[in-house]
Amino acid sequence: MPMQLFVGDVVVLKKPHPCGGHNWEILRTGIDFRIKCLTCGHSVMLPRIRLEKGIKQVIKAADVAQIGQEQ
């Protein structure tokens, strides 16, 4: 069963991006995912299977909006 991932969710990946960032925002879902590094803004297309294997933690879009309002 595939993971429940939605546009706007932020995922923390196991391996860092070359810029040093671990946090990625999901821009597109489906068989292929487009994710954007929140540190440098670089976007990447990945197959669903590869992305799901690399995910360490999922932060839902609603939780990200709530954190932004608190600051």
N, C-alpha and C. Protein backbone atom coordinates (compact mmCIF):
# COMPACT_ATOMS: atom_id res chain seq x y z
N MET A 1 0.84 -1.18 0.00
CA MET A 1 0.00 0.00 0.00
C MET A 1 0.89 1.25 0.00
N PRO A 2 0.67 2.18 -0.92
CA PRO A 2 1.48 3.40 -0.95
C PRO A 2 1.21 4.31 0.25
N MET A 3 2.23 5.10 0.60
CA MET A 3 2.08 6.06 1.71
C MET A 3 1.11 7.16 1.30
N GLN A 4 0.45 7.75 2.29
CA GLN A 4 -0.45 8.87 2.05
C GLN A 4 0.37 10.16 2.06
N LEU A 5 0.75 10.63 0.89
CA LEU A 5 1.52 11.87 0.75
C LEU A 5 0.71 12.84 -0.11
N PHE A 6 0.72 14.11 0.27
CA PHE A 6 -0.08 15.10 -0.42
C PHE A 6 0.77 16.31 -0.79
N VAL A 7 0.30 17.07 -1.77
CA VAL A 7 0.99 18.30 -2.17
C VAL A 7 1.00 19.26 -0.98
N GLY A 8 2.14 19.83 -0.70
CA GLY A 8 2.28 20.75 0.43
C GLY A 8 2.89 20.11 1.66
N ASP A 9 2.90 18.77 1.72
CA ASP A 9 3.54 18.09 2.85
C ASP A 9 5.05 18.31 2.80
N VAL A 10 5.68 18.32 3.95
CA VAL A 10 7.13 18.43 4.04
C VAL A 10 7.64 17.09 4.54
N VAL A 11 8.63 16.54 3.83
CA VAL A 11 9.21 15.26 4.24
C VAL A 11 10.67 15.47 4.62
N VAL A 12 11.12 14.70 5.60
CA VAL A 12 12.52 14.71 6.02
C VAL A 12 13.13 13.43 5.46
N LEU A 13 14.17 13.59 4.63
CA LEU A 13 14.80 12.43 4.01
C LEU A 13 16.00 11.96 4.81
N LYS A 14 16.35 10.69 4.64
CA LYS A 14 17.46 10.09 5.38
C LYS A 14 18.80 10.71 4.98
N LYS A 15 19.00 10.88 3.68
CA LYS A 15 20.27 11.43 3.20
C LYS A 15 20.10 12.91 2.88
N PRO A 16 21.09 13.72 3.22
CA PRO A 16 20.97 15.16 2.94
C PRO A 16 21.21 15.48 1.47
N HIS A 17 20.65 16.59 1.04
CA HIS A 17 20.93 17.16 -0.28
C HIS A 17 22.36 17.70 -0.24
N PRO A 18 23.06 17.82 -1.35
CA PRO A 18 24.43 18.37 -1.32
C PRO A 18 24.54 19.75 -0.65
N CYS A 19 23.45 20.52 -0.60
CA CYS A 19 23.49 21.82 0.07
C CYS A 19 23.42 21.66 1.59
N GLY A 20 23.10 20.46 2.07
CA GLY A 20 23.03 20.20 3.50
C GLY A 20 21.62 20.09 4.05
N GLY A 21 20.61 20.34 3.21
CA GLY A 21 19.23 20.30 3.67
C GLY A 21 18.64 18.90 3.71
N HIS A 22 17.80 18.65 4.70
CA HIS A 22 17.11 17.37 4.83
C HIS A 22 15.62 17.52 4.53
N ASN A 23 15.08 18.73 4.59
CA ASN A 23 13.65 18.97 4.45
C ASN A 23 13.26 19.28 3.01
N TRP A 24 12.21 18.60 2.53
CA TRP A 24 11.74 18.75 1.16
C TRP A 24 10.23 18.95 1.16
N GLU A 25 9.75 19.83 0.29
CA GLU A 25 8.31 20.05 0.13
C GLU A 25 7.84 19.29 -1.10
N ILE A 26 6.70 18.62 -1.00
CA ILE A 26 6.14 17.89 -2.13
C ILE A 26 5.35 18.86 -3.00
N LEU A 27 5.73 18.93 -4.28
CA LEU A 27 5.07 19.83 -5.22
C LEU A 27 4.11 19.10 -6.15
N ARG A 28 4.37 17.81 -6.42
CA ARG A 28 3.55 17.03 -7.33
C ARG A 28 3.53 15.58 -6.86
N THR A 29 2.36 14.94 -6.93
CA THR A 29 2.24 13.54 -6.53
C THR A 29 1.80 12.69 -7.70
N GLY A 30 1.89 11.39 -7.54
CA GLY A 30 1.50 10.45 -8.57
C GLY A 30 2.51 9.31 -8.58
N ILE A 31 2.75 8.75 -9.75
CA ILE A 31 3.77 7.71 -9.86
C ILE A 31 5.14 8.34 -9.65
N ASP A 32 5.33 9.53 -10.21
CA ASP A 32 6.55 10.31 -9.97
C ASP A 32 6.21 11.49 -9.08
N PHE A 33 7.14 11.83 -8.20
CA PHE A 33 6.96 12.97 -7.30
C PHE A 33 7.94 14.07 -7.66
N ARG A 34 7.50 15.32 -7.56
CA ARG A 34 8.41 16.45 -7.67
C ARG A 34 8.52 17.01 -6.27
N ILE A 35 9.77 17.09 -5.78
CA ILE A 35 10.02 17.63 -4.44
C ILE A 35 11.01 18.79 -4.55
N LYS A 36 10.89 19.74 -3.62
CA LYS A 36 11.75 20.93 -3.62
C LYS A 36 12.49 21.02 -2.30
N CYS A 37 13.81 21.19 -2.39
CA CYS A 37 14.63 21.37 -1.20
C CYS A 37 14.26 22.71 -0.56
N LEU A 38 13.98 22.70 0.73
CA LEU A 38 13.60 23.93 1.41
C LEU A 38 14.81 24.78 1.81
N THR A 39 16.02 24.24 1.65
CA THR A 39 17.22 25.00 1.97
C THR A 39 17.67 25.84 0.78
N CYS A 40 17.77 25.20 -0.41
CA CYS A 40 18.31 25.91 -1.58
C CYS A 40 17.29 26.14 -2.69
N GLY A 41 16.14 25.47 -2.63
CA GLY A 41 15.10 25.68 -3.64
C GLY A 41 15.20 24.78 -4.87
N HIS A 42 16.17 23.88 -4.92
CA HIS A 42 16.34 22.97 -6.06
C HIS A 42 15.21 21.95 -6.06
N SER A 43 14.62 21.68 -7.25
CA SER A 43 13.55 20.68 -7.32
C SER A 43 14.02 19.45 -8.10
N VAL A 44 13.48 18.31 -7.73
CA VAL A 44 13.89 17.01 -8.26
C VAL A 44 12.65 16.18 -8.51
N MET A 45 12.66 15.37 -9.59
CA MET A 45 11.61 14.38 -9.84
C MET A 45 12.13 13.01 -9.42
N LEU A 46 11.34 12.29 -8.63
CA LEU A 46 11.72 10.96 -8.16
C LEU A 46 10.55 10.00 -8.34
N PRO A 47 10.84 8.72 -8.64
CA PRO A 47 9.76 7.73 -8.63
C PRO A 47 9.25 7.52 -7.21
N ARG A 48 7.98 7.18 -7.08
CA ARG A 48 7.34 7.00 -5.77
C ARG A 48 8.11 6.02 -4.88
N ILE A 49 8.52 4.89 -5.45
CA ILE A 49 9.20 3.86 -4.65
C ILE A 49 10.49 4.40 -4.05
N ARG A 50 11.28 5.12 -4.83
CA ARG A 50 12.55 5.65 -4.33
C ARG A 50 12.32 6.70 -3.24
N LEU A 51 11.30 7.54 -3.42
CA LEU A 51 11.01 8.56 -2.42
C LEU A 51 10.54 7.92 -1.11
N GLU A 52 9.63 6.95 -1.21
CA GLU A 52 9.10 6.31 0.01
C GLU A 52 10.19 5.61 0.81
N LYS A 53 11.15 5.01 0.13
CA LYS A 53 12.25 4.34 0.83
C LYS A 53 13.16 5.34 1.55
N GLY A 54 13.26 6.57 1.03
CA GLY A 54 14.16 7.56 1.60
C GLY A 54 13.56 8.45 2.68
N ILE A 55 12.25 8.31 2.92
CA ILE A 55 11.58 9.19 3.89
C ILE A 55 11.85 8.73 5.31
N LYS A 56 12.24 9.69 6.13
CA LYS A 56 12.48 9.45 7.55
C LYS A 56 11.27 9.91 8.37
N GLN A 57 10.66 11.04 7.97
CA GLN A 57 9.54 11.61 8.72
C GLN A 57 8.68 12.43 7.76
N VAL A 58 7.36 12.43 7.99
CA VAL A 58 6.43 13.24 7.20
C VAL A 58 5.82 14.29 8.11
N ILE A 59 5.90 15.54 7.69
CA ILE A 59 5.27 16.65 8.41
C ILE A 59 4.12 17.12 7.53
N LYS A 60 2.90 16.99 8.00
CA LYS A 60 1.74 17.33 7.19
C LYS A 60 1.67 18.82 6.90
N ALA A 61 1.05 19.19 5.79
CA ALA A 61 0.94 20.58 5.37
C ALA A 61 0.23 21.43 6.43
N ALA A 62 -0.79 20.88 7.07
CA ALA A 62 -1.51 21.62 8.11
C ALA A 62 -0.61 21.93 9.28
N ASP A 63 0.28 21.00 9.64
CA ASP A 63 1.20 21.23 10.74
C ASP A 63 2.21 22.30 10.40
N VAL A 64 2.67 22.36 9.15
CA VAL A 64 3.64 23.37 8.71
C VAL A 64 2.99 24.75 8.78
N ALA A 65 1.73 24.88 8.34
CA ALA A 65 1.03 26.16 8.38
C ALA A 65 0.83 26.61 9.83
N GLN A 66 0.55 25.68 10.71
CA GLN A 66 0.33 26.00 12.12
C GLN A 66 1.61 26.50 12.78
N ILE A 67 2.73 25.89 12.45
CA ILE A 67 4.03 26.30 13.00
C ILE A 67 4.35 27.71 12.51
N GLY A 68 4.07 28.00 11.24
CA GLY A 68 4.33 29.34 10.68
C GLY A 68 3.50 30.42 11.34
N GLN A 69 2.26 30.11 11.74
CA GLN A 69 1.40 31.09 12.39
C GLN A 69 1.83 31.39 13.81
N GLU A 70 2.47 30.43 14.47
CA GLU A 70 2.90 30.63 15.85
C GLU A 70 4.08 31.58 15.95
N GLN A 71 4.87 31.68 14.92
CA GLN A 71 6.08 32.51 14.99
C GLN A 71 5.81 33.93 14.73
